[in-house]
Amino acid sequence: MDARQKVQAVLDSEDSAYQIQKLTGVNSSIIIRLRNHTRLVDNLSLGTVEKLERYFDYHVKHENDDLPHSVQLSHFRHRLINLLQELYKMQQAKAEATNALPDEKAMTAAIEQLFNDVIANKLELEHLETIYSRALSDSTQLTSPTK
């Protein structure tokens, strides 16, 4: 599937323009104009296309695949995506700094690959969610008052 098809699949999805904006940073007015055919996909910046492609990869294409549809796993996956995106942005800023260590670009690439591999792998995602749930349960038990 090429970039144009991915962007079109995002536009054809039932996700609201606000939801897409919230997760990609692409202004909802751009999404609305694309959906209303008052703006062309051809006129999007490369950065916008890349954001919409990532949205497709991590949200739209999974709507019909074999990922479980539990609300808990969906929430975990969404939270994990947001955290990995923040980690990636911080690492990318380190790599672009003038005093960057030699391995910063390699670390940025490793984080990007981790992001792609984990989010796209159903079994790995379920495994991480299990670890997350256990740790959450353990921390809740430690902080709850005893009777």
C-alpha atoms as a PDB file:
ATOM      1  CA  MET A   1       0.000   0.000   0.000  1.00  0.00           C
ATOM      2  CA  ASP A   2       1.523   3.338  -1.017  1.00  0.00           C
ATOM      3  CA  ALA A   3       1.396   6.644   0.861  1.00  0.00           C
ATOM      4  CA  ARG A   4      -1.556   8.004  -1.122  1.00  0.00           C
ATOM      5  CA  GLN A   5      -3.633   4.901  -0.380  1.00  0.00           C
ATOM      6  CA  LYS A   6      -2.786   5.089   3.322  1.00  0.00           C
ATOM      7  CA  VAL A   7      -3.752   8.763   3.515  1.00  0.00           C
ATOM      8  CA  GLN A   8      -6.987   8.010   1.673  1.00  0.00           C
ATOM      9  CA  ALA A   9      -7.751   5.141   4.073  1.00  0.00           C
ATOM     10  CA  VAL A  10      -7.311   7.550   6.999  1.00  0.00           C
ATOM     11  CA  LEU A  11      -9.653  10.023   5.326  1.00  0.00           C
ATOM     12  CA  ASP A  12     -12.196   7.265   4.645  1.00  0.00           C
ATOM     13  CA  SER A  13     -12.038   5.968   8.215  1.00  0.00           C
ATOM     14  CA  GLU A  14     -14.783   6.660  10.724  1.00  0.00           C
ATOM     15  CA  ASP A  15     -12.316   8.480  12.982  1.00  0.00           C
ATOM     16  CA  SER A  16     -13.210  12.093  13.601  1.00  0.00           C
ATOM     17  CA  ALA A  17     -11.019  14.893  12.299  1.00  0.00           C
ATOM     18  CA  TYR A  18     -10.494  15.904  15.934  1.00  0.00           C
ATOM     19  CA  GLN A  19      -9.297  12.408  16.880  1.00  0.00           C
ATOM     20  CA  ILE A  20      -6.885  12.350  13.956  1.00  0.00           C
ATOM     21  CA  GLN A  21      -5.599  15.815  14.906  1.00  0.00           C
ATOM     22  CA  LYS A  22      -5.168  14.782  18.527  1.00  0.00           C
ATOM     23  CA  LEU A  23      -3.031  11.780  17.615  1.00  0.00           C
ATOM     24  CA  THR A  24      -1.097  13.210  14.655  1.00  0.00           C
ATOM     25  CA  GLY A  25      -0.876  16.948  15.128  1.00  0.00           C
ATOM     26  CA  VAL A  26      -2.383  17.447  11.654  1.00  0.00           C
ATOM     27  CA  ASN A  27      -4.920  20.251  11.980  1.00  0.00           C
ATOM     28  CA  SER A  28      -8.504  18.993  11.849  1.00  0.00           C
ATOM     29  CA  SER A  29      -9.370  21.664   9.272  1.00  0.00           C
ATOM     30  CA  ILE A  30      -6.911  20.024   6.864  1.00  0.00           C
ATOM     31  CA  ILE A  31      -8.590  16.640   7.418  1.00  0.00           C
ATOM     32  CA  ILE A  32     -12.025  18.178   6.863  1.00  0.00           C
ATOM     33  CA  ARG A  33     -10.941  19.943   3.651  1.00  0.00           C
ATOM     34  CA  LEU A  34      -9.385  16.715   2.346  1.00  0.00           C
ATOM     35  CA  ARG A  35     -12.592  14.839   3.119  1.00  0.00           C
ATOM     36  CA  ASN A  36     -14.670  17.531   1.424  1.00  0.00           C
ATOM     37  CA  HIS A  37     -12.344  17.484  -1.603  1.00  0.00           C
ATOM     38  CA  THR A  38     -11.546  21.192  -1.211  1.00  0.00           C
ATOM     39  CA  ARG A  39      -7.896  20.289  -0.689  1.00  0.00           C
ATOM     40  CA  LEU A  40      -5.860  17.710  -2.602  1.00  0.00           C
ATOM     41  CA  VAL A  41      -3.662  15.018  -1.105  1.00  0.00           C
ATOM     42  CA  ASP A  42      -1.063  16.065  -3.718  1.00  0.00           C
ATOM     43  CA  ASN A  43      -0.708  19.432  -1.986  1.00  0.00           C
ATOM     44  CA  LEU A  44       0.147  18.018   1.460  1.00  0.00           C
ATOM     45  CA  SER A  45       3.615  18.509   2.857  1.00  0.00           C
ATOM     46  CA  LEU A  46       5.813  15.458   3.236  1.00  0.00           C
ATOM     47  CA  GLY A  47       5.623  15.837   7.022  1.00  0.00           C
ATOM     48  CA  THR A  48       1.821  15.769   6.963  1.00  0.00           C
ATOM     49  CA  VAL A  49       1.775  12.704   4.712  1.00  0.00           C
ATOM     50  CA  GLU A  50       4.212  10.931   7.049  1.00  0.00           C
ATOM     51  CA  LYS A  51       2.042  11.734  10.092  1.00  0.00           C
ATOM     52  CA  LEU A  52      -1.073  10.422   8.360  1.00  0.00           C
ATOM     53  CA  GLU A  53       0.799   7.300   7.219  1.00  0.00           C
ATOM     54  CA  ARG A  54       1.849   6.590  10.809  1.00  0.00           C
ATOM     55  CA  TYR A  55      -1.738   7.119  11.912  1.00  0.00           C
ATOM     56  CA  PHE A  56      -2.827   4.588   9.310  1.00  0.00           C
ATOM     57  CA  ASP A  57      -0.153   2.112  10.416  1.00  0.00           C
ATOM     58  CA  TYR A  58      -1.010   2.326  14.106  1.00  0.00           C
ATOM     59  CA  HIS A  59      -4.761   2.944  14.061  1.00  0.00           C
ATOM     60  CA  VAL A  60      -6.639   2.440  10.802  1.00  0.00           C
ATOM     61  CA  LYS A  61      -5.107  -0.768   9.485  1.00  0.00           C
ATOM     62  CA  HIS A  62      -5.698  -2.424  12.833  1.00  0.00           C
ATOM     63  CA  GLU A  63      -9.434  -1.778  12.757  1.00  0.00           C
ATOM     64  CA  ASN A  64     -10.022  -4.915  10.721  1.00  0.00           C
ATOM     65  CA  ASP A  65      -7.071  -7.110  11.624  1.00  0.00           C
ATOM     66  CA  ASP A  66      -6.767  -9.676  14.343  1.00  0.00           C
ATOM     67  CA  LEU A  67      -5.868  -7.317  17.188  1.00  0.00           C
ATOM     68  CA  PRO A  68      -8.125  -7.923  20.154  1.00  0.00           C
ATOM     69  CA  HIS A  69     -10.910  -5.421  20.538  1.00  0.00           C
ATOM     70  CA  SER A  70     -10.757  -5.126  24.326  1.00  0.00           C
ATOM     71  CA  VAL A  71     -11.101  -1.596  25.618  1.00  0.00           C
ATOM     72  CA  GLN A  72      -8.279  -2.170  28.094  1.00  0.00           C
ATOM     73  CA  LEU A  73      -5.820  -3.285  25.403  1.00  0.00           C
ATOM     74  CA  SER A  74      -6.918  -0.479  23.102  1.00  0.00           C
ATOM     75  CA  HIS A  75      -6.331   2.063  25.876  1.00  0.00           C
ATOM     76  CA  PHE A  76      -2.933   0.540  26.672  1.00  0.00           C
ATOM     77  CA  ARG A  77      -1.932   0.554  22.993  1.00  0.00           C
ATOM     78  CA  HIS A  78      -2.957   4.193  22.585  1.00  0.00           C
ATOM     79  CA  ARG A  79      -1.038   5.212  25.729  1.00  0.00           C
ATOM     80  CA  LEU A  80       2.023   3.244  24.616  1.00  0.00           C
ATOM     81  CA  ILE A  81       1.964   4.903  21.186  1.00  0.00           C
ATOM     82  CA  ASN A  82       1.844   8.343  22.790  1.00  0.00           C
ATOM     83  CA  LEU A  83       4.714   7.560  25.158  1.00  0.00           C
ATOM     84  CA  LEU A  84       6.866   6.072  22.407  1.00  0.00           C
ATOM     85  CA  GLN A  85       6.191   9.113  20.203  1.00  0.00           C
ATOM     86  CA  GLU A  86       7.310  11.418  23.024  1.00  0.00           C
ATOM     87  CA  LEU A  87      10.411   9.310  23.647  1.00  0.00           C
ATOM     88  CA  TYR A  88      11.201   9.391  19.930  1.00  0.00           C
ATOM     89  CA  LYS A  89      10.813  13.186  19.759  1.00  0.00           C
ATOM     90  CA  MET A  90      13.127  13.671  22.754  1.00  0.00           C
ATOM     91  CA  GLN A  91      15.705  11.304  21.279  1.00  0.00           C
ATOM     92  CA  GLN A  92      15.457  12.976  17.877  1.00  0.00           C
ATOM     93  CA  ALA A  93      16.139  16.358  19.497  1.00  0.00           C
ATOM     94  CA  LYS A  94      19.211  14.883  21.202  1.00  0.00           C
ATOM     95  CA  ALA A  95      20.448  13.477  17.888  1.00  0.00           C
ATOM     96  CA  GLU A  96      20.023  16.856  16.164  1.00  0.00           C
ATOM     97  CA  ALA A  97      21.848  18.812  18.896  1.00  0.00           C
ATOM     98  CA  THR A  98      25.252  20.223  17.992  1.00  0.00           C
ATOM     99  CA  ASN A  99      26.886  18.420  20.927  1.00  0.00           C
ATOM    100  CA  ALA A 100      25.194  15.080  20.211  1.00  0.00           C
ATOM    101  CA  LEU A 101      27.000  11.893  21.120  1.00  0.00           C
ATOM    102  CA  PRO A 102      28.014   9.746  18.125  1.00  0.00           C
ATOM    103  CA  ASP A 103      25.420   7.076  18.884  1.00  0.00           C
ATOM    104  CA  GLU A 104      22.396   9.396  19.226  1.00  0.00           C
ATOM    105  CA  LYS A 105      21.253   8.916  15.604  1.00  0.00           C
ATOM    106  CA  ALA A 106      21.604   5.150  15.962  1.00  0.00           C
ATOM    107  CA  MET A 107      19.563   5.256  19.182  1.00  0.00           C
ATOM    108  CA  THR A 108      16.884   7.299  17.405  1.00  0.00           C
ATOM    109  CA  ALA A 109      16.681   4.661  14.663  1.00  0.00           C
ATOM    110  CA  ALA A 110      16.487   1.898  17.291  1.00  0.00           C
ATOM    111  CA  ILE A 111      13.595   3.633  19.078  1.00  0.00           C
ATOM    112  CA  GLU A 112      11.775   4.081  15.763  1.00  0.00           C
ATOM    113  CA  GLN A 113      12.176   0.380  14.962  1.00  0.00           C
ATOM    114  CA  LEU A 114      11.052  -0.588  18.474  1.00  0.00           C
ATOM    115  CA  PHE A 115       7.980   1.567  17.981  1.00  0.00           C
ATOM    116  CA  ASN A 116       7.170  -0.080  14.646  1.00  0.00           C
ATOM    117  CA  ASP A 117       7.808  -3.642  15.842  1.00  0.00           C
ATOM    118  CA  VAL A 118       5.961  -3.487  19.149  1.00  0.00           C
ATOM    119  CA  ILE A 119       2.831  -1.676  17.998  1.00  0.00           C
ATOM    120  CA  ALA A 120       2.387  -3.899  14.941  1.00  0.00           C
ATOM    121  CA  ASN A 121       2.912  -7.198  16.775  1.00  0.00           C
ATOM    122  CA  LYS A 122      -0.265  -8.508  18.410  1.00  0.00           C
ATOM    123  CA  LEU A 123       1.463 -11.009  20.689  1.00  0.00           C
ATOM    124  CA  GLU A 124       4.103  -8.536  21.842  1.00  0.00           C
ATOM    125  CA  LEU A 125       1.457  -5.908  22.526  1.00  0.00           C
ATOM    126  CA  GLU A 126      -0.611  -8.371  24.570  1.00  0.00           C
ATOM    127  CA  HIS A 127       2.506  -9.421  26.484  1.00  0.00           C
ATOM    128  CA  LEU A 128       3.400  -5.797  27.299  1.00  0.00           C
ATOM    129  CA  GLU A 129      -0.176  -5.088  28.359  1.00  0.00           C
ATOM    130  CA  THR A 130      -0.031  -8.063  30.733  1.00  0.00           C
ATOM    131  CA  ILE A 131       3.195  -6.741  32.272  1.00  0.00           C
ATOM    132  CA  TYR A 132       1.645  -3.285  32.532  1.00  0.00           C
ATOM    133  CA  SER A 133      -1.517  -4.644  34.196  1.00  0.00           C
ATOM    134  CA  ARG A 134       0.483  -6.686  36.731  1.00  0.00           C
ATOM    135  CA  ALA A 135       2.693  -3.734  37.608  1.00  0.00           C
ATOM    136  CA  LEU A 136      -0.339  -1.475  37.913  1.00  0.00           C
ATOM    137  CA  SER A 137      -2.083  -4.008  40.130  1.00  0.00           C
ATOM    138  CA  ASP A 138       1.026  -4.409  42.304  1.00  0.00           C
ATOM    139  CA  SER A 139       1.434  -0.653  42.738  1.00  0.00           C
ATOM    140  CA  THR A 140      -2.262  -0.277  43.565  1.00  0.00           C
ATOM    141  CA  GLN A 141      -2.011  -2.964  46.236  1.00  0.00           C
ATOM    142  CA  LEU A 142       1.043  -1.277  47.754  1.00  0.00           C
ATOM    143  CA  THR A 143      -0.652   2.112  47.980  1.00  0.00           C
ATOM    144  CA  SER A 144      -4.116   1.027  49.135  1.00  0.00           C
ATOM    145  CA  PRO A 145      -4.772   1.463  52.838  1.00  0.00           C
ATOM    146  CA  THR A 146      -4.960  -1.709  54.906  1.00  0.00           C
ATOM    147  CA  LYS A 147      -7.877  -2.360  57.174  1.00  0.00           C
END
